Amino acid sequence: MNIRRTLIAPLLALAVLLTGCGAGSPLLEGGDTAPSSGSGAASDAADTAQTVYLGDFTAQTLDGEAIDQTVFQGHALTVVNVWATFCGPCKDEMPILAKLDGEMGDEVQFLGVVTDVTDQDLNPDQAQVDLAAQLAEAAGVAYRNLQLNESLAMLGFAGLQAVPATLFVDANGCLVGQGFYGALDEENWRAVIEERLEQARQQAERADGPGDASGGEQAV
């Protein structure tokens, strides 16, 4: 399998929901419509031989735990939900994500990235970090949430122009299918996760198969 290393921002053709907080993005031009069900929600990554590596990073959780790209290992699929403390739809769907996180076991992992817990120079804003932690706790969230920093910004997280935004990553740190902007209800979340989990399983099978050529070049 050919793994291409690149950044999120020029890569993701994210679909947009009207329930997101923020403006649209040029990334959306020509992209798929927002997922309303598991069937046909996004293009199937299993149909391509080229898999895109998210990128190496270091970050801290809201609790100060150090995290890097190895966080994806041991989980067939990681749901990376990008949110902000000002975003109503983000907060509305957090209890749903917390519920699914409690039900899906180790195969599916949830990971948050909070975009508004730093100042304009990407230095931590402790008041915002505390607020984000309070909101997560109130929603029953037990999964880890990362503070946006320079490392994550370099991957494109700071360039996303609406929240919530969600992308999906396999155990090797490679993107699975398309991400999307906007919040979903529980039924649609279940359908989308089921679809991406099957895609992640197929990617894993290809990665373990003959002729695997991991690595690739880092895009600039």
N, C-alpha and C. Protein backbone atom coordinates (compact mmCIF):
# COMPACT_ATOMS: atom_id res chain seq x y z
N MET A 1 0.84 -1.19 0.00
CA MET A 1 0.00 0.00 0.00
C MET A 1 0.88 1.24 0.00
N ASN A 2 0.56 2.18 -0.88
CA ASN A 2 1.31 3.42 -0.95
C ASN A 2 0.70 4.43 0.02
N ILE A 3 1.44 4.83 1.02
CA ILE A 3 0.95 5.81 1.99
C ILE A 3 1.56 7.16 1.67
N ARG A 4 0.71 8.10 1.34
CA ARG A 4 1.16 9.46 1.03
C ARG A 4 1.00 10.32 2.27
N ARG A 5 2.04 11.05 2.62
CA ARG A 5 2.00 11.92 3.79
C ARG A 5 1.67 13.33 3.33
N THR A 6 0.67 13.94 3.94
CA THR A 6 0.26 15.26 3.51
C THR A 6 -0.43 15.98 4.65
N LEU A 7 -0.94 17.18 4.41
CA LEU A 7 -1.63 17.96 5.42
C LEU A 7 -3.12 17.82 5.25
N ILE A 8 -3.87 18.07 6.34
CA ILE A 8 -5.32 17.97 6.27
C ILE A 8 -5.89 19.02 5.34
N ALA A 9 -5.47 20.26 5.51
CA ALA A 9 -6.17 21.38 4.87
C ALA A 9 -6.30 21.24 3.36
N PRO A 10 -5.23 20.96 2.59
CA PRO A 10 -5.43 20.82 1.15
C PRO A 10 -5.98 19.48 0.76
N LEU A 11 -6.19 18.58 1.72
CA LEU A 11 -6.61 17.22 1.40
C LEU A 11 -8.10 17.02 1.49
N LEU A 12 -8.71 17.40 2.62
CA LEU A 12 -10.06 16.97 2.91
C LEU A 12 -11.07 17.74 2.08
N ALA A 13 -11.88 17.03 1.30
CA ALA A 13 -13.03 17.63 0.65
C ALA A 13 -14.19 17.47 1.61
N LEU A 14 -14.20 18.29 2.67
CA LEU A 14 -15.17 18.12 3.75
C LEU A 14 -16.55 18.59 3.29
N ALA A 15 -17.58 17.79 3.61
CA ALA A 15 -18.95 18.21 3.34
C ALA A 15 -19.42 19.13 4.45
N VAL A 16 -20.41 19.99 4.17
CA VAL A 16 -20.82 20.99 5.16
C VAL A 16 -22.28 20.81 5.54
N LEU A 17 -22.57 20.86 6.83
CA LEU A 17 -23.93 20.88 7.34
C LEU A 17 -24.30 22.30 7.76
N LEU A 18 -25.57 22.63 7.68
CA LEU A 18 -26.01 23.96 8.07
C LEU A 18 -25.98 24.16 9.58
N THR A 19 -25.74 23.10 10.34
CA THR A 19 -25.72 23.20 11.79
C THR A 19 -24.34 23.52 12.32
N GLY A 20 -23.36 23.82 11.47
CA GLY A 20 -22.02 24.13 11.92
C GLY A 20 -21.88 25.59 12.33
N CYS A 21 -20.82 25.90 13.09
CA CYS A 21 -20.53 27.27 13.49
C CYS A 21 -19.38 27.78 12.66
N GLY A 22 -19.60 28.75 11.79
CA GLY A 22 -18.50 29.29 11.02
C GLY A 22 -18.82 29.37 9.55
N ALA A 23 -17.91 29.94 8.81
CA ALA A 23 -18.10 30.14 7.38
C ALA A 23 -17.76 28.89 6.60
N GLY A 24 -18.07 28.92 5.31
CA GLY A 24 -17.70 27.82 4.45
C GLY A 24 -16.22 27.86 4.14
N SER A 25 -15.77 26.89 3.36
CA SER A 25 -14.35 26.79 3.05
C SER A 25 -14.18 26.45 1.58
N PRO A 26 -13.13 26.98 0.91
CA PRO A 26 -12.85 26.59 -0.47
C PRO A 26 -12.64 25.09 -0.61
N LEU A 27 -12.30 24.42 0.48
CA LEU A 27 -12.12 22.97 0.43
C LEU A 27 -13.40 22.27 0.04
N LEU A 28 -14.54 22.92 0.24
CA LEU A 28 -15.83 22.29 0.02
C LEU A 28 -16.24 22.30 -1.44
N GLU A 29 -15.58 23.07 -2.26
CA GLU A 29 -15.99 23.19 -3.66
C GLU A 29 -15.87 21.85 -4.35
N GLY A 30 -16.99 21.38 -4.90
CA GLY A 30 -17.00 20.11 -5.60
C GLY A 30 -17.08 18.91 -4.68
N GLY A 31 -17.20 19.14 -3.38
CA GLY A 31 -17.25 18.03 -2.43
C GLY A 31 -18.61 17.38 -2.38
N ASP A 32 -18.70 16.28 -1.63
CA ASP A 32 -19.96 15.58 -1.47
C ASP A 32 -20.89 16.36 -0.56
N THR A 33 -22.18 16.02 -0.60
CA THR A 33 -23.13 16.62 0.31
C THR A 33 -22.93 16.05 1.70
N ALA A 34 -23.51 16.72 2.68
CA ALA A 34 -23.36 16.29 4.07
C ALA A 34 -23.99 14.93 4.28
N PRO A 35 -23.41 14.09 5.13
CA PRO A 35 -23.97 12.77 5.37
C PRO A 35 -25.30 12.86 6.10
N SER A 36 -26.32 12.25 5.54
CA SER A 36 -27.61 12.17 6.22
C SER A 36 -27.96 10.74 6.58
N SER A 37 -27.13 9.80 6.11
CA SER A 37 -27.29 8.40 6.47
C SER A 37 -25.98 7.72 6.19
N GLY A 38 -25.86 6.47 6.61
CA GLY A 38 -24.62 5.75 6.39
C GLY A 38 -24.42 5.38 4.94
N SER A 39 -25.47 5.28 4.16
CA SER A 39 -25.37 4.85 2.77
C SER A 39 -25.05 6.02 1.88
N GLY A 40 -23.89 5.97 1.22
CA GLY A 40 -23.52 7.02 0.29
C GLY A 40 -23.14 8.32 0.96
N ALA A 41 -22.81 8.29 2.23
CA ALA A 41 -22.51 9.53 2.95
C ALA A 41 -21.24 10.18 2.47
N ALA A 42 -20.26 9.38 2.03
CA ALA A 42 -19.00 9.95 1.55
C ALA A 42 -18.37 8.96 0.61
N SER A 43 -17.39 9.42 -0.16
CA SER A 43 -16.72 8.52 -1.09
C SER A 43 -15.98 7.45 -0.32
N ASP A 44 -15.90 6.27 -0.91
CA ASP A 44 -15.34 5.11 -0.24
C ASP A 44 -13.84 5.06 -0.43
N ALA A 45 -13.10 5.25 0.67
CA ALA A 45 -11.64 5.25 0.59
C ALA A 45 -11.10 3.89 0.21
N ALA A 46 -11.91 2.83 0.39
CA ALA A 46 -11.44 1.50 0.06
C ALA A 46 -11.25 1.31 -1.44
N ASP A 47 -11.80 2.25 -2.23
CA ASP A 47 -11.69 2.11 -3.68
C ASP A 47 -10.38 2.67 -4.22
N THR A 48 -9.56 3.28 -3.37
CA THR A 48 -8.30 3.82 -3.83
C THR A 48 -7.14 3.08 -3.21
N ALA A 49 -6.05 2.93 -3.98
CA ALA A 49 -4.88 2.22 -3.47
C ALA A 49 -3.97 3.14 -2.68
N GLN A 50 -4.25 4.42 -2.72
CA GLN A 50 -3.39 5.38 -2.04
C GLN A 50 -4.03 5.81 -0.73
N THR A 51 -3.31 5.63 0.36
CA THR A 51 -3.81 5.98 1.68
C THR A 51 -3.04 7.17 2.21
N VAL A 52 -3.74 8.11 2.82
CA VAL A 52 -3.14 9.37 3.23
C VAL A 52 -2.86 9.36 4.73
N TYR A 53 -1.61 9.56 5.09
CA TYR A 53 -1.19 9.60 6.48
C TYR A 53 -1.48 10.97 7.06
N LEU A 54 -2.13 11.00 8.21
CA LEU A 54 -2.50 12.27 8.84
C LEU A 54 -1.28 13.12 9.14
N GLY A 55 -0.25 12.52 9.74
CA GLY A 55 0.97 13.26 10.07
C GLY A 55 1.36 13.07 11.52
N ASP A 56 2.65 13.25 11.82
CA ASP A 56 3.14 13.16 13.19
C ASP A 56 2.81 14.45 13.93
N PHE A 57 2.54 14.33 15.23
CA PHE A 57 2.23 15.50 16.02
C PHE A 57 2.51 15.23 17.49
N THR A 58 2.59 16.29 18.26
CA THR A 58 2.60 16.21 19.72
C THR A 58 1.56 17.21 20.22
N ALA A 59 0.87 16.84 21.30
CA ALA A 59 -0.17 17.72 21.84
C ALA A 59 -0.40 17.36 23.29
N GLN A 60 -1.20 18.19 23.95
CA GLN A 60 -1.61 17.92 25.32
C GLN A 60 -3.12 17.86 25.40
N THR A 61 -3.61 16.98 26.26
CA THR A 61 -5.04 16.94 26.53
C THR A 61 -5.41 18.13 27.41
N LEU A 62 -6.70 18.31 27.65
CA LEU A 62 -7.15 19.37 28.54
C LEU A 62 -6.62 19.17 29.95
N ASP A 63 -6.30 17.92 30.28
CA ASP A 63 -5.75 17.60 31.60
C ASP A 63 -4.24 17.67 31.64
N GLY A 64 -3.60 17.99 30.52
CA GLY A 64 -2.16 18.11 30.49
C GLY A 64 -1.42 16.84 30.13
N GLU A 65 -2.13 15.78 29.73
CA GLU A 65 -1.47 14.54 29.32
C GLU A 65 -0.83 14.71 27.94
N ALA A 66 0.41 14.25 27.79
CA ALA A 66 1.11 14.34 26.50
C ALA A 66 0.61 13.25 25.56
N ILE A 67 0.30 13.64 24.33
CA ILE A 67 -0.25 12.73 23.32
C ILE A 67 0.53 12.94 22.02
N ASP A 68 0.74 11.86 21.26
CA ASP A 68 1.28 11.99 19.91
C ASP A 68 0.55 11.05 18.98
N GLN A 69 1.07 10.86 17.76
CA GLN A 69 0.38 10.08 16.74
C GLN A 69 0.18 8.62 17.12
N THR A 70 0.89 8.13 18.13
CA THR A 70 0.70 6.73 18.55
C THR A 70 -0.64 6.52 19.23
N VAL A 71 -1.38 7.60 19.49
CA VAL A 71 -2.69 7.48 20.12
C VAL A 71 -3.65 6.64 19.28
N PHE A 72 -3.40 6.54 17.97
CA PHE A 72 -4.31 5.80 17.09
C PHE A 72 -4.08 4.29 17.14
N GLN A 73 -2.95 3.87 17.62
CA GLN A 73 -2.62 2.45 17.62
C GLN A 73 -3.54 1.68 18.55
N GLY A 74 -3.91 0.47 18.13
CA GLY A 74 -4.76 -0.38 18.94
C GLY A 74 -6.24 -0.14 18.75
N HIS A 75 -6.62 0.77 17.87
CA HIS A 75 -8.02 1.06 17.59
C HIS A 75 -8.24 1.01 16.08
N ALA A 76 -9.19 0.23 15.64
CA ALA A 76 -9.45 0.13 14.20
C ALA A 76 -9.84 1.48 13.63
N LEU A 77 -10.56 2.30 14.41
CA LEU A 77 -11.02 3.60 13.93
C LEU A 77 -10.99 4.59 15.07
N THR A 78 -10.47 5.79 14.80
CA THR A 78 -10.57 6.89 15.74
C THR A 78 -11.42 7.99 15.11
N VAL A 79 -12.45 8.40 15.82
CA VAL A 79 -13.31 9.52 15.41
C VAL A 79 -12.72 10.79 16.03
N VAL A 80 -12.21 11.68 15.19
CA VAL A 80 -11.59 12.92 15.67
C VAL A 80 -12.59 14.05 15.47
N ASN A 81 -13.15 14.52 16.58
CA ASN A 81 -14.17 15.56 16.54
C ASN A 81 -13.56 16.89 16.96
N VAL A 82 -13.58 17.86 16.05
CA VAL A 82 -12.99 19.18 16.28
C VAL A 82 -14.11 20.13 16.70
N TRP A 83 -13.92 20.81 17.85
CA TRP A 83 -15.00 21.64 18.38
C TRP A 83 -14.45 22.88 19.06
N ALA A 84 -15.37 23.74 19.49
CA ALA A 84 -14.99 24.97 20.19
C ALA A 84 -16.01 25.25 21.28
N THR A 85 -15.57 25.99 22.29
CA THR A 85 -16.44 26.23 23.43
C THR A 85 -17.62 27.15 23.09
N PHE A 86 -17.49 27.97 22.04
CA PHE A 86 -18.56 28.90 21.66
C PHE A 86 -19.63 28.25 20.80
N CYS A 87 -19.40 27.03 20.36
CA CYS A 87 -20.22 26.40 19.32
C CYS A 87 -21.37 25.59 19.91
N GLY A 88 -22.60 26.08 19.71
CA GLY A 88 -23.78 25.38 20.21
C GLY A 88 -23.95 23.98 19.66
N PRO A 89 -23.88 23.79 18.33
CA PRO A 89 -24.02 22.44 17.78
C PRO A 89 -22.95 21.47 18.29
N CYS A 90 -21.74 21.99 18.51
CA CYS A 90 -20.68 21.14 19.08
C CYS A 90 -21.11 20.60 20.44
N LYS A 91 -21.60 21.50 21.29
CA LYS A 91 -21.99 21.12 22.63
C LYS A 91 -23.23 20.23 22.61
N ASP A 92 -24.13 20.46 21.65
CA ASP A 92 -25.34 19.65 21.57
C ASP A 92 -25.04 18.19 21.24
N GLU A 93 -24.02 17.95 20.40
CA GLU A 93 -23.75 16.58 20.00
C GLU A 93 -22.76 15.86 20.93
N MET A 94 -22.12 16.59 21.83
CA MET A 94 -21.14 15.95 22.70
C MET A 94 -21.73 14.83 23.56
N PRO A 95 -22.94 14.96 24.13
CA PRO A 95 -23.51 13.83 24.87
C PRO A 95 -23.73 12.60 24.00
N ILE A 96 -24.03 12.81 22.72
CA ILE A 96 -24.19 11.68 21.80
C ILE A 96 -22.85 10.97 21.61
N LEU A 97 -21.81 11.74 21.39
CA LEU A 97 -20.48 11.15 21.21
C LEU A 97 -20.04 10.44 22.49
N ALA A 98 -20.35 11.04 23.63
CA ALA A 98 -20.00 10.41 24.91
C ALA A 98 -20.72 9.07 25.06
N LYS A 99 -21.98 9.02 24.67
CA LYS A 99 -22.75 7.78 24.75
C LYS A 99 -22.16 6.72 23.84
N LEU A 100 -21.86 7.09 22.59
CA LEU A 100 -21.30 6.13 21.64
C LEU A 100 -19.93 5.65 22.09
N ASP A 101 -19.14 6.56 22.66
CA ASP A 101 -17.82 6.19 23.17
C ASP A 101 -17.95 5.12 24.25
N GLY A 102 -18.98 5.21 25.07
CA GLY A 102 -19.17 4.24 26.13
C GLY A 102 -19.68 2.90 25.65
N GLU A 103 -20.21 2.86 24.42
CA GLU A 103 -20.82 1.63 23.90
C GLU A 103 -19.94 0.85 22.95
N MET A 104 -18.98 1.48 22.30
CA MET A 104 -18.34 0.86 21.14
C MET A 104 -17.06 0.11 21.46
N GLY A 105 -16.59 0.14 22.68
CA GLY A 105 -15.43 -0.66 23.03
C GLY A 105 -14.15 -0.12 22.43
N ASP A 106 -13.11 -0.98 22.44
CA ASP A 106 -11.78 -0.54 22.03
C ASP A 106 -11.62 -0.39 20.52
N GLU A 107 -12.49 -1.02 19.74
CA GLU A 107 -12.32 -0.96 18.29
C GLU A 107 -12.49 0.46 17.77
N VAL A 108 -13.41 1.21 18.35
CA VAL A 108 -13.65 2.59 17.94
C VAL A 108 -13.27 3.51 19.10
N GLN A 109 -12.40 4.46 18.82
CA GLN A 109 -11.94 5.43 19.80
C GLN A 109 -12.43 6.82 19.41
N PHE A 110 -12.74 7.64 20.39
CA PHE A 110 -13.12 9.03 20.14
C PHE A 110 -12.03 9.94 20.68
N LEU A 111 -11.77 11.01 19.95
CA LEU A 111 -10.74 11.97 20.33
C LEU A 111 -11.22 13.35 19.93
N GLY A 112 -11.19 14.30 20.86
CA GLY A 112 -11.59 15.66 20.55
C GLY A 112 -10.39 16.55 20.33
N VAL A 113 -10.58 17.61 19.55
CA VAL A 113 -9.59 18.68 19.40
C VAL A 113 -10.34 19.99 19.60
N VAL A 114 -9.91 20.76 20.60
CA VAL A 114 -10.60 22.02 20.93
C VAL A 114 -9.81 23.17 20.33
N THR A 115 -10.49 23.98 19.51
CA THR A 115 -9.78 24.97 18.71
C THR A 115 -9.62 26.33 19.37
N ASP A 116 -10.40 26.63 20.40
CA ASP A 116 -10.38 27.99 20.96
C ASP A 116 -9.85 28.02 22.39
N VAL A 117 -8.82 27.24 22.65
CA VAL A 117 -8.21 27.21 23.99
C VAL A 117 -6.80 27.82 23.96
N THR A 118 -6.49 28.59 22.93
CA THR A 118 -5.19 29.25 22.81
C THR A 118 -5.41 30.70 22.40
N ASP A 119 -4.36 31.51 22.57
CA ASP A 119 -4.41 32.86 22.06
C ASP A 119 -4.01 32.87 20.59
N GLN A 120 -3.85 34.06 19.99
CA GLN A 120 -3.56 34.14 18.57
C GLN A 120 -2.18 33.59 18.21
N ASP A 121 -1.32 33.46 19.21
CA ASP A 121 0.01 32.88 18.99
C ASP A 121 0.07 31.41 19.34
N LEU A 122 -1.10 30.80 19.56
CA LEU A 122 -1.23 29.39 19.89
C LEU A 122 -0.63 29.03 21.25
N ASN A 123 -0.59 30.02 22.14
CA ASN A 123 -0.21 29.75 23.52
C ASN A 123 -1.47 29.39 24.30
N PRO A 124 -1.38 28.45 25.24
CA PRO A 124 -2.58 28.04 25.98
C PRO A 124 -3.23 29.19 26.73
N ASP A 125 -4.55 29.23 26.68
CA ASP A 125 -5.35 30.18 27.45
C ASP A 125 -6.01 29.35 28.55
N GLN A 126 -5.48 29.43 29.78
CA GLN A 126 -5.92 28.51 30.83
C GLN A 126 -7.41 28.65 31.15
N ALA A 127 -7.94 29.86 31.08
CA ALA A 127 -9.36 30.05 31.33
C ALA A 127 -10.20 29.28 30.31
N GLN A 128 -9.77 29.30 29.05
CA GLN A 128 -10.49 28.58 28.01
C GLN A 128 -10.30 27.06 28.15
N VAL A 129 -9.11 26.66 28.53
CA VAL A 129 -8.86 25.24 28.77
C VAL A 129 -9.79 24.73 29.88
N ASP A 130 -9.91 25.51 30.95
CA ASP A 130 -10.78 25.12 32.06
C ASP A 130 -12.24 25.07 31.62
N LEU A 131 -12.65 26.04 30.82
CA LEU A 131 -14.02 26.06 30.32
C LEU A 131 -14.31 24.84 29.46
N ALA A 132 -13.39 24.50 28.55
CA ALA A 132 -13.57 23.33 27.70
C ALA A 132 -13.67 22.06 28.54
N ALA A 133 -12.84 21.96 29.57
CA ALA A 133 -12.89 20.78 30.45
C ALA A 133 -14.23 20.70 31.18
N GLN A 134 -14.75 21.84 31.60
CA GLN A 134 -16.05 21.87 32.29
C GLN A 134 -17.17 21.44 31.35
N LEU A 135 -17.13 21.92 30.11
CA LEU A 135 -18.16 21.56 29.14
C LEU A 135 -18.12 20.07 28.82
N ALA A 136 -16.91 19.54 28.66
CA ALA A 136 -16.78 18.11 28.37
C ALA A 136 -17.30 17.27 29.53
N GLU A 137 -16.97 17.67 30.74
CA GLU A 137 -17.43 16.93 31.91
C GLU A 137 -18.95 16.99 32.03
N ALA A 138 -19.53 18.15 31.78
CA ALA A 138 -20.98 18.31 31.86
C ALA A 138 -21.71 17.45 30.84
N ALA A 139 -21.06 17.21 29.70
CA ALA A 139 -21.65 16.39 28.65
C ALA A 139 -21.41 14.90 28.87
N GLY A 140 -20.68 14.54 29.92
CA GLY A 140 -20.40 13.14 30.19
C GLY A 140 -19.28 12.57 29.35
N VAL A 141 -18.44 13.45 28.80
CA VAL A 141 -17.36 13.00 27.92
C VAL A 141 -16.22 12.41 28.74
N ALA A 142 -15.86 11.17 28.43
CA ALA A 142 -14.73 10.51 29.10
C ALA A 142 -13.52 10.40 28.18
N TYR A 143 -13.72 10.57 26.87
CA TYR A 143 -12.60 10.46 25.93
C TYR A 143 -11.73 11.72 26.01
N ARG A 144 -10.50 11.58 25.53
CA ARG A 144 -9.53 12.67 25.63
C ARG A 144 -9.80 13.77 24.61
N ASN A 145 -9.54 15.00 25.05
CA ASN A 145 -9.66 16.16 24.18
C ASN A 145 -8.33 16.90 24.15
N LEU A 146 -7.85 17.17 22.95
CA LEU A 146 -6.55 17.81 22.77
C LEU A 146 -6.69 19.32 22.64
N GLN A 147 -5.71 20.02 23.18
CA GLN A 147 -5.64 21.47 23.00
C GLN A 147 -4.97 21.76 21.65
N LEU A 148 -5.59 22.62 20.86
CA LEU A 148 -4.94 23.06 19.62
C LEU A 148 -3.59 23.68 19.96
N ASN A 149 -2.57 23.31 19.19
CA ASN A 149 -1.23 23.88 19.37
C ASN A 149 -0.56 24.01 18.01
N GLU A 150 0.69 24.42 18.01
CA GLU A 150 1.39 24.63 16.74
C GLU A 150 1.51 23.33 15.95
N SER A 151 1.76 22.22 16.64
CA SER A 151 1.92 20.94 15.97
C SER A 151 0.64 20.54 15.24
N LEU A 152 -0.51 20.67 15.92
CA LEU A 152 -1.78 20.35 15.27
C LEU A 152 -2.13 21.37 14.20
N ALA A 153 -1.76 22.63 14.43
CA ALA A 153 -2.01 23.66 13.43
C ALA A 153 -1.27 23.35 12.13
N MET A 154 -0.06 22.82 12.24
CA MET A 154 0.72 22.48 11.06
C MET A 154 0.05 21.38 10.24
N LEU A 155 -0.76 20.56 10.88
CA LEU A 155 -1.49 19.52 10.14
C LEU A 155 -2.76 20.06 9.49
N GLY A 156 -3.15 21.28 9.83
CA GLY A 156 -4.31 21.90 9.21
C GLY A 156 -5.50 22.11 10.12
N PHE A 157 -5.40 21.71 11.39
CA PHE A 157 -6.55 21.86 12.27
C PHE A 157 -6.92 23.32 12.48
N ALA A 158 -5.94 24.21 12.47
CA ALA A 158 -6.24 25.63 12.66
C ALA A 158 -6.87 26.24 11.43
N GLY A 159 -6.78 25.57 10.28
CA GLY A 159 -7.31 26.10 9.04
C GLY A 159 -8.74 25.69 8.75
N LEU A 160 -9.32 24.82 9.58
CA LEU A 160 -10.72 24.44 9.37
C LEU A 160 -11.60 25.65 9.67
N GLN A 161 -12.55 25.93 8.79
CA GLN A 161 -13.28 27.20 8.89
C GLN A 161 -14.68 27.06 9.46
N ALA A 162 -15.00 25.91 10.01
CA ALA A 162 -16.26 25.73 10.72
C ALA A 162 -16.09 24.61 11.72
N VAL A 163 -16.86 24.67 12.78
CA VAL A 163 -16.93 23.60 13.76
C VAL A 163 -18.40 23.34 14.08
N PRO A 164 -18.74 22.09 14.45
CA PRO A 164 -17.84 20.95 14.55
C PRO A 164 -17.38 20.45 13.19
N ALA A 165 -16.21 19.86 13.18
CA ALA A 165 -15.69 19.17 12.01
C ALA A 165 -15.18 17.81 12.49
N THR A 166 -15.35 16.80 11.69
CA THR A 166 -14.97 15.45 12.11
C THR A 166 -14.21 14.76 11.00
N LEU A 167 -13.12 14.09 11.37
CA LEU A 167 -12.40 13.23 10.45
C LEU A 167 -12.16 11.89 11.12
N PHE A 168 -11.73 10.92 10.34
CA PHE A 168 -11.63 9.55 10.79
C PHE A 168 -10.25 9.01 10.46
N VAL A 169 -9.65 8.30 11.41
CA VAL A 169 -8.26 7.85 11.30
C VAL A 169 -8.18 6.38 11.67
N ASP A 170 -7.36 5.60 10.92
CA ASP A 170 -7.22 4.19 11.24
C ASP A 170 -6.07 3.96 12.21
N ALA A 171 -5.80 2.70 12.53
CA ALA A 171 -4.79 2.37 13.54
C ALA A 171 -3.38 2.75 13.12
N ASN A 172 -3.16 2.93 11.81
CA ASN A 172 -1.85 3.34 11.30
C ASN A 172 -1.71 4.85 11.18
N GLY A 173 -2.72 5.60 11.62
CA GLY A 173 -2.65 7.04 11.53
C GLY A 173 -3.04 7.59 10.17
N CYS A 174 -3.72 6.77 9.36
CA CYS A 174 -4.13 7.19 8.02
C CYS A 174 -5.60 7.58 8.01
N LEU A 175 -5.94 8.60 7.21
CA LEU A 175 -7.31 9.06 7.10
C LEU A 175 -8.20 7.99 6.48
N VAL A 176 -9.43 7.94 6.94
CA VAL A 176 -10.42 6.97 6.47
C VAL A 176 -11.58 7.73 5.85
N GLY A 177 -11.79 7.57 4.55
CA GLY A 177 -12.91 8.23 3.88
C GLY A 177 -12.82 9.74 4.00
N GLN A 178 -13.97 10.40 3.85
CA GLN A 178 -14.03 11.85 3.94
C GLN A 178 -14.47 12.28 5.32
N GLY A 179 -14.00 13.45 5.72
CA GLY A 179 -14.53 14.07 6.92
C GLY A 179 -15.69 14.97 6.53
N PHE A 180 -16.26 15.64 7.53
CA PHE A 180 -17.38 16.54 7.24
C PHE A 180 -17.47 17.61 8.31
N TYR A 181 -18.11 18.72 7.95
CA TYR A 181 -18.46 19.77 8.89
C TYR A 181 -19.88 19.53 9.38
N GLY A 182 -20.15 19.91 10.61
CA GLY A 182 -21.51 19.91 11.12
C GLY A 182 -21.80 18.82 12.12
N ALA A 183 -22.91 18.96 12.82
CA ALA A 183 -23.33 18.01 13.85
C ALA A 183 -24.31 17.01 13.27
N LEU A 184 -24.32 15.81 13.86
CA LEU A 184 -25.25 14.75 13.47
C LEU A 184 -26.06 14.31 14.68
N ASP A 185 -27.24 13.72 14.41
CA ASP A 185 -27.99 13.09 15.49
C ASP A 185 -27.44 11.68 15.73
N GLU A 186 -27.95 11.01 16.75
CA GLU A 186 -27.38 9.71 17.12
C GLU A 186 -27.52 8.68 16.01
N GLU A 187 -28.67 8.64 15.35
CA GLU A 187 -28.89 7.64 14.29
C GLU A 187 -27.87 7.80 13.17
N ASN A 188 -27.66 9.04 12.74
CA ASN A 188 -26.72 9.26 11.64
C ASN A 188 -25.28 9.06 12.08
N TRP A 189 -24.96 9.41 13.35
CA TRP A 189 -23.62 9.12 13.84
C TRP A 189 -23.33 7.62 13.79
N ARG A 190 -24.28 6.83 14.22
CA ARG A 190 -24.08 5.38 14.21
C ARG A 190 -23.84 4.87 12.79
N ALA A 191 -24.63 5.39 11.85
CA ALA A 191 -24.51 4.94 10.46
C ALA A 191 -23.16 5.34 9.87
N VAL A 192 -22.74 6.58 10.11
CA VAL A 192 -21.47 7.05 9.56
C VAL A 192 -20.30 6.29 10.16
N ILE A 193 -20.33 6.06 11.48
CA ILE A 193 -19.24 5.34 12.13
C ILE A 193 -19.17 3.90 11.62
N GLU A 194 -20.31 3.27 11.44
CA GLU A 194 -20.31 1.90 10.91
C GLU A 194 -19.67 1.86 9.53
N GLU A 195 -19.99 2.85 8.69
CA GLU A 195 -19.41 2.90 7.34
C GLU A 195 -17.90 3.12 7.39
N ARG A 196 -17.45 4.08 8.21
CA ARG A 196 -16.02 4.35 8.29
C ARG A 196 -15.25 3.19 8.93
N LEU A 197 -15.89 2.49 9.86
CA LEU A 197 -15.23 1.35 10.49
C LEU A 197 -14.97 0.26 9.47
N GLU A 198 -15.93 0.02 8.59
CA GLU A 198 -15.72 -0.98 7.54
C GLU A 198 -14.61 -0.53 6.60
N GLN A 199 -14.55 0.75 6.26
CA GLN A 199 -13.47 1.26 5.42
C GLN A 199 -12.12 1.09 6.11
N ALA A 200 -12.08 1.35 7.41
CA ALA A 200 -10.83 1.21 8.16
C ALA A 200 -10.37 -0.25 8.17
N ARG A 201 -11.30 -1.17 8.30
CA ARG A 201 -10.95 -2.59 8.28
C ARG A 201 -10.35 -2.97 6.93
N GLN A 202 -10.94 -2.44 5.86
CA GLN A 202 -10.43 -2.74 4.53
C GLN A 202 -9.03 -2.15 4.34
N GLN A 203 -8.81 -0.94 4.85
CA GLN A 203 -7.47 -0.35 4.78
C GLN A 203 -6.46 -1.20 5.53
N ALA A 204 -6.86 -1.72 6.68
CA ALA A 204 -5.96 -2.55 7.47
C ALA A 204 -5.60 -3.83 6.73
N GLU A 205 -6.58 -4.40 6.05
CA GLU A 205 -6.32 -5.61 5.28
C GLU A 205 -5.33 -5.35 4.16
N ARG A 206 -5.48 -4.21 3.48
CA ARG A 206 -4.55 -3.88 2.41
C ARG A 206 -3.15 -3.61 2.95
N ALA A 207 -3.08 -2.95 4.12
CA ALA A 207 -1.79 -2.65 4.71
C ALA A 207 -1.05 -3.90 5.11
N ASP A 208 -1.78 -4.95 5.52
CA ASP A 208 -1.18 -6.20 5.94
C ASP A 208 -0.91 -7.15 4.79
N GLY A 209 -1.39 -6.78 3.59
CA GLY A 209 -1.27 -7.68 2.45
C GLY A 209 0.09 -7.60 1.79
N PRO A 210 0.32 -8.43 0.75
CA PRO A 210 1.60 -8.41 0.03
C PRO A 210 1.79 -7.11 -0.72
N GLY A 211 3.04 -6.72 -0.85
CA GLY A 211 3.37 -5.53 -1.63
C GLY A 211 3.18 -4.25 -0.86
N ASP A 212 3.08 -4.34 0.45
CA ASP A 212 2.91 -3.13 1.25
C ASP A 212 4.15 -2.26 1.16
N ALA A 213 3.96 -1.01 0.83
CA ALA A 213 5.08 -0.07 0.75
C ALA A 213 4.75 1.15 1.57
N SER A 214 4.98 1.08 2.86
CA SER A 214 4.64 2.18 3.74
C SER A 214 5.72 3.25 3.65
N GLY A 215 5.42 4.37 4.27
CA GLY A 215 6.38 5.47 4.27
C GLY A 215 5.90 6.59 3.40
N GLY A 216 6.53 6.80 2.27
CA GLY A 216 6.10 7.86 1.37
C GLY A 216 6.77 9.16 1.71
N GLU A 217 6.47 10.17 0.91
CA GLU A 217 7.12 11.47 1.09
C GLU A 217 6.23 12.40 1.88
N GLN A 218 6.87 13.26 2.62
CA GLN A 218 6.16 14.30 3.37
C GLN A 218 5.90 15.47 2.43
N ALA A 219 4.61 15.82 2.30
CA ALA A 219 4.27 16.96 1.44
C ALA A 219 4.65 18.25 2.12
N VAL A 220 4.87 19.28 1.32
CA VAL A 220 5.20 20.59 1.87
C VAL A 220 4.17 21.60 1.37
